[in-house]
């Protein structure tokens, strides 16, 4: 397996869940159905802050130099993302860990952290960011829509870099399998949190046929 095959396989194996995570219900779940500018920005800021904290913690306890440098770079990018979104808010946001980051912070092995945090998580985040783009386009706020387009592009690049890093970490099919297990489980955790949030609001996470 190589980087592109890994990402393609993950997208295929979790296609339904990833599609639902990118539906127009995504913002309903993350904002508790408060579809207004401030709640949407606050939800995005929380997501970026949580990611920054996760990667900062990983960088601090990773011995592999290449992996540590990758985690430091992601932490810096996510912190920048947070600041760019927070600049548009007039309030502080609560960045307590959500189910996704509780799961990520429980991982120890570098191959699992890279697969889960640098490939699966960005694939999930890209879909949420697309819905933020759509929200601000519909709100006729093109500058903020462009901000989220930029964040989404950088997030998708992160997934590519994570998959490429896996090529240096996975020396056997068993290690690729371990990475895939970590990545698919991460999508599952993100989807379960999304579905639970919608069900608490009385919304069916499944699309209407």
C-alpha atoms as a PDB file:
ATOM      1  CA  UNK A   1       0.000   0.000   0.000  1.00  0.00           C
ATOM      2  CA  UNK A   2       1.090   3.590  -0.567  1.00  0.00           C
ATOM      3  CA  UNK A   3      -0.155   7.023   0.477  1.00  0.00           C
ATOM      4  CA  UNK A   4      -2.744   7.520  -2.255  1.00  0.00           C
ATOM      5  CA  UNK A   5      -4.074   3.976  -1.962  1.00  0.00           C
ATOM      6  CA  UNK A   6      -4.409   4.401   1.797  1.00  0.00           C
ATOM      7  CA  UNK A   7      -6.455   7.573   1.471  1.00  0.00           C
ATOM      8  CA  UNK A   8      -8.577   6.181  -1.363  1.00  0.00           C
ATOM      9  CA  UNK A   9      -9.298   3.010   0.619  1.00  0.00           C
ATOM     10  CA  UNK A  10     -10.283   4.992   3.692  1.00  0.00           C
ATOM     11  CA  UNK A  11     -12.627   7.175   1.644  1.00  0.00           C
ATOM     12  CA  UNK A  12     -14.185   4.087   0.053  1.00  0.00           C
ATOM     13  CA  UNK A  13     -14.580   2.060   3.238  1.00  0.00           C
ATOM     14  CA  UNK A  14     -16.162   4.972   5.121  1.00  0.00           C
ATOM     15  CA  UNK A  15     -17.882   6.661   2.178  1.00  0.00           C
ATOM     16  CA  UNK A  16     -21.369   6.682   3.702  1.00  0.00           C
ATOM     17  CA  UNK A  17     -20.269   8.110   7.034  1.00  0.00           C
ATOM     18  CA  UNK A  18     -18.020  10.708   5.419  1.00  0.00           C
ATOM     19  CA  UNK A  19     -20.838  11.765   3.095  1.00  0.00           C
ATOM     20  CA  UNK A  20     -23.204  12.199   6.035  1.00  0.00           C
ATOM     21  CA  UNK A  21     -20.573  14.126   7.986  1.00  0.00           C
ATOM     22  CA  UNK A  22     -20.482  16.517   5.031  1.00  0.00           C
ATOM     23  CA  UNK A  23     -24.239  16.924   4.751  1.00  0.00           C
ATOM     24  CA  UNK A  24     -26.141  20.127   5.471  1.00  0.00           C
ATOM     25  CA  UNK A  25     -26.919  18.663   8.905  1.00  0.00           C
ATOM     26  CA  UNK A  26     -23.276  19.029   9.950  1.00  0.00           C
ATOM     27  CA  UNK A  27     -23.726  22.573  11.233  1.00  0.00           C
ATOM     28  CA  UNK A  28     -26.949  21.590  12.969  1.00  0.00           C
ATOM     29  CA  UNK A  29     -24.942  19.046  14.969  1.00  0.00           C
ATOM     30  CA  UNK A  30     -21.989  21.286  15.824  1.00  0.00           C
ATOM     31  CA  UNK A  31     -24.036  24.397  16.682  1.00  0.00           C
ATOM     32  CA  UNK A  32     -26.864  22.653  18.535  1.00  0.00           C
ATOM     33  CA  UNK A  33     -29.182  23.876  15.771  1.00  0.00           C
ATOM     34  CA  UNK A  34     -28.165  27.516  16.285  1.00  0.00           C
ATOM     35  CA  UNK A  35     -27.593  28.367  12.646  1.00  0.00           C
ATOM     36  CA  UNK A  36     -26.321  31.894  13.025  1.00  0.00           C
ATOM     37  CA  UNK A  37     -22.953  33.521  12.389  1.00  0.00           C
ATOM     38  CA  UNK A  38     -21.601  33.498  15.942  1.00  0.00           C
ATOM     39  CA  UNK A  39     -22.456  29.847  16.740  1.00  0.00           C
ATOM     40  CA  UNK A  40     -21.021  28.686  13.401  1.00  0.00           C
ATOM     41  CA  UNK A  41     -17.784  30.604  13.972  1.00  0.00           C
ATOM     42  CA  UNK A  42     -17.577  29.409  17.580  1.00  0.00           C
ATOM     43  CA  UNK A  43     -18.011  25.767  16.547  1.00  0.00           C
ATOM     44  CA  UNK A  44     -15.239  26.129  13.973  1.00  0.00           C
ATOM     45  CA  UNK A  45     -12.949  27.864  16.461  1.00  0.00           C
ATOM     46  CA  UNK A  46     -13.501  25.101  19.015  1.00  0.00           C
ATOM     47  CA  UNK A  47     -12.608  22.471  16.443  1.00  0.00           C
ATOM     48  CA  UNK A  48      -9.364  24.226  15.510  1.00  0.00           C
ATOM     49  CA  UNK A  49      -8.379  24.832  19.151  1.00  0.00           C
ATOM     50  CA  UNK A  50      -8.988  21.202  20.075  1.00  0.00           C
ATOM     51  CA  UNK A  51      -6.841  20.028  17.187  1.00  0.00           C
ATOM     52  CA  UNK A  52      -4.025  22.390  18.157  1.00  0.00           C
ATOM     53  CA  UNK A  53      -4.048  21.084  21.724  1.00  0.00           C
ATOM     54  CA  UNK A  54      -4.069  17.456  20.589  1.00  0.00           C
ATOM     55  CA  UNK A  55      -1.064  17.908  18.312  1.00  0.00           C
ATOM     56  CA  UNK A  56       0.821  20.023  20.850  1.00  0.00           C
ATOM     57  CA  UNK A  57       0.438  17.203  23.370  1.00  0.00           C
ATOM     58  CA  UNK A  58       1.517  14.592  20.828  1.00  0.00           C
ATOM     59  CA  UNK A  59       4.569  16.596  19.787  1.00  0.00           C
ATOM     60  CA  UNK A  60       5.647  16.855  23.414  1.00  0.00           C
ATOM     61  CA  UNK A  61       5.773  13.082  23.936  1.00  0.00           C
ATOM     62  CA  UNK A  62       6.944  11.796  20.521  1.00  0.00           C
ATOM     63  CA  UNK A  63      10.512  10.506  20.176  1.00  0.00           C
ATOM     64  CA  UNK A  64      10.601  10.072  16.389  1.00  0.00           C
ATOM     65  CA  UNK A  65      12.037  13.342  15.067  1.00  0.00           C
ATOM     66  CA  UNK A  66      10.177  13.338  11.749  1.00  0.00           C
ATOM     67  CA  UNK A  67       6.864  12.572  13.420  1.00  0.00           C
ATOM     68  CA  UNK A  68       7.458  15.169  16.125  1.00  0.00           C
ATOM     69  CA  UNK A  69       8.223  17.825  13.513  1.00  0.00           C
ATOM     70  CA  UNK A  70       5.062  16.886  11.617  1.00  0.00           C
ATOM     71  CA  UNK A  71       2.973  17.165  14.776  1.00  0.00           C
ATOM     72  CA  UNK A  72       4.543  20.523  15.614  1.00  0.00           C
ATOM     73  CA  UNK A  73       3.746  21.798  12.129  1.00  0.00           C
ATOM     74  CA  UNK A  74       0.132  20.651  12.381  1.00  0.00           C
ATOM     75  CA  UNK A  75      -0.216  22.202  15.836  1.00  0.00           C
ATOM     76  CA  UNK A  76       1.060  25.510  14.480  1.00  0.00           C
ATOM     77  CA  UNK A  77      -1.307  25.358  11.509  1.00  0.00           C
ATOM     78  CA  UNK A  78      -4.296  24.530  13.699  1.00  0.00           C
ATOM     79  CA  UNK A  79      -3.414  27.317  16.137  1.00  0.00           C
ATOM     80  CA  UNK A  80      -3.262  29.733  13.194  1.00  0.00           C
ATOM     81  CA  UNK A  81      -6.626  28.451  11.993  1.00  0.00           C
ATOM     82  CA  UNK A  82      -8.083  29.049  15.439  1.00  0.00           C
ATOM     83  CA  UNK A  83      -6.759  32.607  15.560  1.00  0.00           C
ATOM     84  CA  UNK A  84      -8.073  33.418  12.081  1.00  0.00           C
ATOM     85  CA  UNK A  85     -11.562  32.272  13.054  1.00  0.00           C
ATOM     86  CA  UNK A  86     -11.434  33.723  16.585  1.00  0.00           C
ATOM     87  CA  UNK A  87     -10.556  37.140  15.146  1.00  0.00           C
ATOM     88  CA  UNK A  88     -14.126  37.259  13.845  1.00  0.00           C
ATOM     89  CA  UNK A  89     -15.623  36.472  17.258  1.00  0.00           C
ATOM     90  CA  UNK A  90     -16.286  38.803  20.177  1.00  0.00           C
ATOM     91  CA  UNK A  91     -16.166  36.026  22.761  1.00  0.00           C
ATOM     92  CA  UNK A  92     -13.907  33.284  24.063  1.00  0.00           C
ATOM     93  CA  UNK A  93     -14.769  29.715  23.088  1.00  0.00           C
ATOM     94  CA  UNK A  94     -14.801  26.587  25.221  1.00  0.00           C
ATOM     95  CA  UNK A  95     -12.241  24.166  23.800  1.00  0.00           C
ATOM     96  CA  UNK A  96     -12.844  21.165  26.071  1.00  0.00           C
ATOM     97  CA  UNK A  97     -12.202  17.901  24.249  1.00  0.00           C
ATOM     98  CA  UNK A  98     -15.085  16.397  22.302  1.00  0.00           C
ATOM     99  CA  UNK A  99     -15.516  12.644  21.639  1.00  0.00           C
ATOM    100  CA  UNK A 100     -13.241  12.825  18.587  1.00  0.00           C
ATOM    101  CA  UNK A 101     -10.339  14.409  20.445  1.00  0.00           C
ATOM    102  CA  UNK A 102     -10.908  12.262  23.530  1.00  0.00           C
ATOM    103  CA  UNK A 103     -10.392   9.331  21.178  1.00  0.00           C
ATOM    104  CA  UNK A 104      -7.342  10.832  19.484  1.00  0.00           C
ATOM    105  CA  UNK A 105      -5.668  11.714  22.761  1.00  0.00           C
ATOM    106  CA  UNK A 106      -5.988   8.097  23.846  1.00  0.00           C
ATOM    107  CA  UNK A 107      -3.754   6.898  20.997  1.00  0.00           C
ATOM    108  CA  UNK A 108      -0.077   6.242  21.725  1.00  0.00           C
ATOM    109  CA  UNK A 109       1.635   4.677  18.695  1.00  0.00           C
ATOM    110  CA  UNK A 110       2.978   7.119  16.079  1.00  0.00           C
ATOM    111  CA  UNK A 111       1.475   5.164  13.174  1.00  0.00           C
ATOM    112  CA  UNK A 112      -1.971   5.300  14.801  1.00  0.00           C
ATOM    113  CA  UNK A 113      -1.662   8.989  15.643  1.00  0.00           C
ATOM    114  CA  UNK A 114      -0.627   9.889  12.112  1.00  0.00           C
ATOM    115  CA  UNK A 115      -3.346   7.779  10.485  1.00  0.00           C
ATOM    116  CA  UNK A 116      -6.054   8.986  12.835  1.00  0.00           C
ATOM    117  CA  UNK A 117      -4.987  12.566  13.409  1.00  0.00           C
ATOM    118  CA  UNK A 118      -3.341  13.563  10.144  1.00  0.00           C
ATOM    119  CA  UNK A 119      -5.439  11.581   7.657  1.00  0.00           C
ATOM    120  CA  UNK A 120      -8.837  10.600   9.061  1.00  0.00           C
ATOM    121  CA  UNK A 121      -9.436  13.739  11.136  1.00  0.00           C
ATOM    122  CA  UNK A 122      -8.685  16.127   8.229  1.00  0.00           C
ATOM    123  CA  UNK A 123     -10.992  14.143   5.937  1.00  0.00           C
ATOM    124  CA  UNK A 124     -13.751  14.638   8.498  1.00  0.00           C
ATOM    125  CA  UNK A 125     -12.857  18.288   9.095  1.00  0.00           C
ATOM    126  CA  UNK A 126     -12.809  19.070   5.376  1.00  0.00           C
ATOM    127  CA  UNK A 127     -16.466  18.144   5.149  1.00  0.00           C
ATOM    128  CA  UNK A 128     -17.416  20.319   8.117  1.00  0.00           C
ATOM    129  CA  UNK A 129     -15.463  23.222   6.660  1.00  0.00           C
ATOM    130  CA  UNK A 130     -17.290  22.865   3.342  1.00  0.00           C
ATOM    131  CA  UNK A 131     -20.582  23.356   5.162  1.00  0.00           C
ATOM    132  CA  UNK A 132     -19.165  26.487   6.790  1.00  0.00           C
ATOM    133  CA  UNK A 133     -18.234  27.756   3.322  1.00  0.00           C
ATOM    134  CA  UNK A 134     -21.785  27.105   2.137  1.00  0.00           C
ATOM    135  CA  UNK A 135     -23.265  28.815   5.187  1.00  0.00           C
ATOM    136  CA  UNK A 136     -21.359  32.036   4.611  1.00  0.00           C
ATOM    137  CA  UNK A 137     -21.980  31.975   0.852  1.00  0.00           C
ATOM    138  CA  UNK A 138     -25.709  31.750   1.573  1.00  0.00           C
ATOM    139  CA  UNK A 139     -25.280  34.536   4.134  1.00  0.00           C
ATOM    140  CA  UNK A 140     -23.675  36.730   1.428  1.00  0.00           C
ATOM    141  CA  UNK A 141     -20.489  36.966   3.506  1.00  0.00           C
ATOM    142  CA  UNK A 142     -17.898  36.228   0.845  1.00  0.00           C
ATOM    143  CA  UNK A 143     -14.825  37.238   2.931  1.00  0.00           C
ATOM    144  CA  UNK A 144     -15.688  34.691   5.623  1.00  0.00           C
ATOM    145  CA  UNK A 145     -16.576  32.081   3.002  1.00  0.00           C
ATOM    146  CA  UNK A 146     -13.125  32.635   1.502  1.00  0.00           C
ATOM    147  CA  UNK A 147     -11.536  32.208   4.926  1.00  0.00           C
ATOM    148  CA  UNK A 148     -13.144  28.796   5.266  1.00  0.00           C
ATOM    149  CA  UNK A 149     -12.167  27.869   1.716  1.00  0.00           C
ATOM    150  CA  UNK A 150      -8.556  28.564   2.690  1.00  0.00           C
ATOM    151  CA  UNK A 151      -8.853  26.554   5.907  1.00  0.00           C
ATOM    152  CA  UNK A 152     -10.375  23.664   3.983  1.00  0.00           C
ATOM    153  CA  UNK A 153      -7.611  23.680   1.374  1.00  0.00           C
ATOM    154  CA  UNK A 154      -4.932  23.646   4.071  1.00  0.00           C
ATOM    155  CA  UNK A 155      -6.756  20.860   5.910  1.00  0.00           C
ATOM    156  CA  UNK A 156      -6.906  18.705   2.780  1.00  0.00           C
ATOM    157  CA  UNK A 157      -3.172  19.261   2.251  1.00  0.00           C
ATOM    158  CA  UNK A 158      -2.641  18.021   5.795  1.00  0.00           C
ATOM    159  CA  UNK A 159      -4.364  14.730   4.940  1.00  0.00           C
ATOM    160  CA  UNK A 160      -2.052  14.277   1.948  1.00  0.00           C
ATOM    161  CA  UNK A 161       1.005  14.967   4.090  1.00  0.00           C
ATOM    162  CA  UNK A 162      -0.207  12.545   6.741  1.00  0.00           C
ATOM    163  CA  UNK A 163      -0.625   9.766   4.206  1.00  0.00           C
ATOM    164  CA  UNK A 164       2.863  10.450   2.845  1.00  0.00           C
ATOM    165  CA  UNK A 165       4.287  10.286   6.364  1.00  0.00           C
ATOM    166  CA  UNK A 166       2.665   6.876   6.788  1.00  0.00           C
ATOM    167  CA  UNK A 167       4.813   5.615   3.918  1.00  0.00           C
ATOM    168  CA  UNK A 168       7.878   6.175   6.110  1.00  0.00           C
ATOM    169  CA  UNK A 169       6.268   4.551   9.156  1.00  0.00           C
ATOM    170  CA  UNK A 170       4.640   1.474   7.632  1.00  0.00           C
ATOM    171  CA  UNK A 171       7.279  -1.071   6.649  1.00  0.00           C
ATOM    172  CA  UNK A 172       4.843  -3.992   6.337  1.00  0.00           C
ATOM    173  CA  UNK A 173       1.255  -4.724   5.375  1.00  0.00           C
ATOM    174  CA  UNK A 174       0.545  -5.383   9.045  1.00  0.00           C
ATOM    175  CA  UNK A 175       1.534  -1.811   9.864  1.00  0.00           C
ATOM    176  CA  UNK A 176      -0.602  -0.458   7.033  1.00  0.00           C
ATOM    177  CA  UNK A 177      -3.496  -2.515   8.423  1.00  0.00           C
ATOM    178  CA  UNK A 178      -2.876  -1.029  11.862  1.00  0.00           C
ATOM    179  CA  UNK A 179      -2.932   2.455  10.364  1.00  0.00           C
ATOM    180  CA  UNK A 180      -6.151   1.710   8.484  1.00  0.00           C
ATOM    181  CA  UNK A 181      -7.815   0.377  11.624  1.00  0.00           C
ATOM    182  CA  UNK A 182      -6.908   3.582  13.466  1.00  0.00           C
ATOM    183  CA  UNK A 183      -8.194   5.755  10.629  1.00  0.00           C
ATOM    184  CA  UNK A 184     -11.501   3.942  10.141  1.00  0.00           C
ATOM    185  CA  UNK A 185     -12.148   3.897  13.878  1.00  0.00           C
ATOM    186  CA  UNK A 186     -11.588   7.655  13.983  1.00  0.00           C
ATOM    187  CA  UNK A 187     -14.168   8.254  11.261  1.00  0.00           C
ATOM    188  CA  UNK A 188     -16.525   5.983  13.206  1.00  0.00           C
ATOM    189  CA  UNK A 189     -16.026   8.001  16.402  1.00  0.00           C
ATOM    190  CA  UNK A 190     -16.627  11.284  14.565  1.00  0.00           C
ATOM    191  CA  UNK A 191     -19.762   9.900  12.937  1.00  0.00           C
ATOM    192  CA  UNK A 192     -21.149   8.522  16.196  1.00  0.00           C
ATOM    193  CA  UNK A 193     -20.678  11.924  17.863  1.00  0.00           C
ATOM    194  CA  UNK A 194     -22.415  13.600  14.907  1.00  0.00           C
ATOM    195  CA  UNK A 195     -25.303  11.129  14.950  1.00  0.00           C
ATOM    196  CA  UNK A 196     -25.717  11.386  18.729  1.00  0.00           C
ATOM    197  CA  UNK A 197     -25.823  15.196  18.555  1.00  0.00           C
ATOM    198  CA  UNK A 198     -28.511  15.109  15.876  1.00  0.00           C
ATOM    199  CA  UNK A 199     -30.574  12.462  17.633  1.00  0.00           C
ATOM    200  CA  UNK A 200     -30.562  14.552  20.815  1.00  0.00           C
ATOM    201  CA  UNK A 201     -32.134  17.314  18.719  1.00  0.00           C
ATOM    202  CA  UNK A 202     -34.696  14.919  17.277  1.00  0.00           C
ATOM    203  CA  UNK A 203     -33.031  14.900  13.856  1.00  0.00           C
ATOM    204  CA  UNK A 204     -32.401  11.684  11.930  1.00  0.00           C
ATOM    205  CA  UNK A 205     -28.734  11.595  10.798  1.00  0.00           C
ATOM    206  CA  UNK A 206     -29.678   9.487   7.795  1.00  0.00           C
ATOM    207  CA  UNK A 207     -30.518  11.346   4.569  1.00  0.00           C
ATOM    208  CA  UNK A 208     -34.133  11.562   3.506  1.00  0.00           C
ATOM    209  CA  UNK A 209     -34.706   9.277   0.516  1.00  0.00           C
END
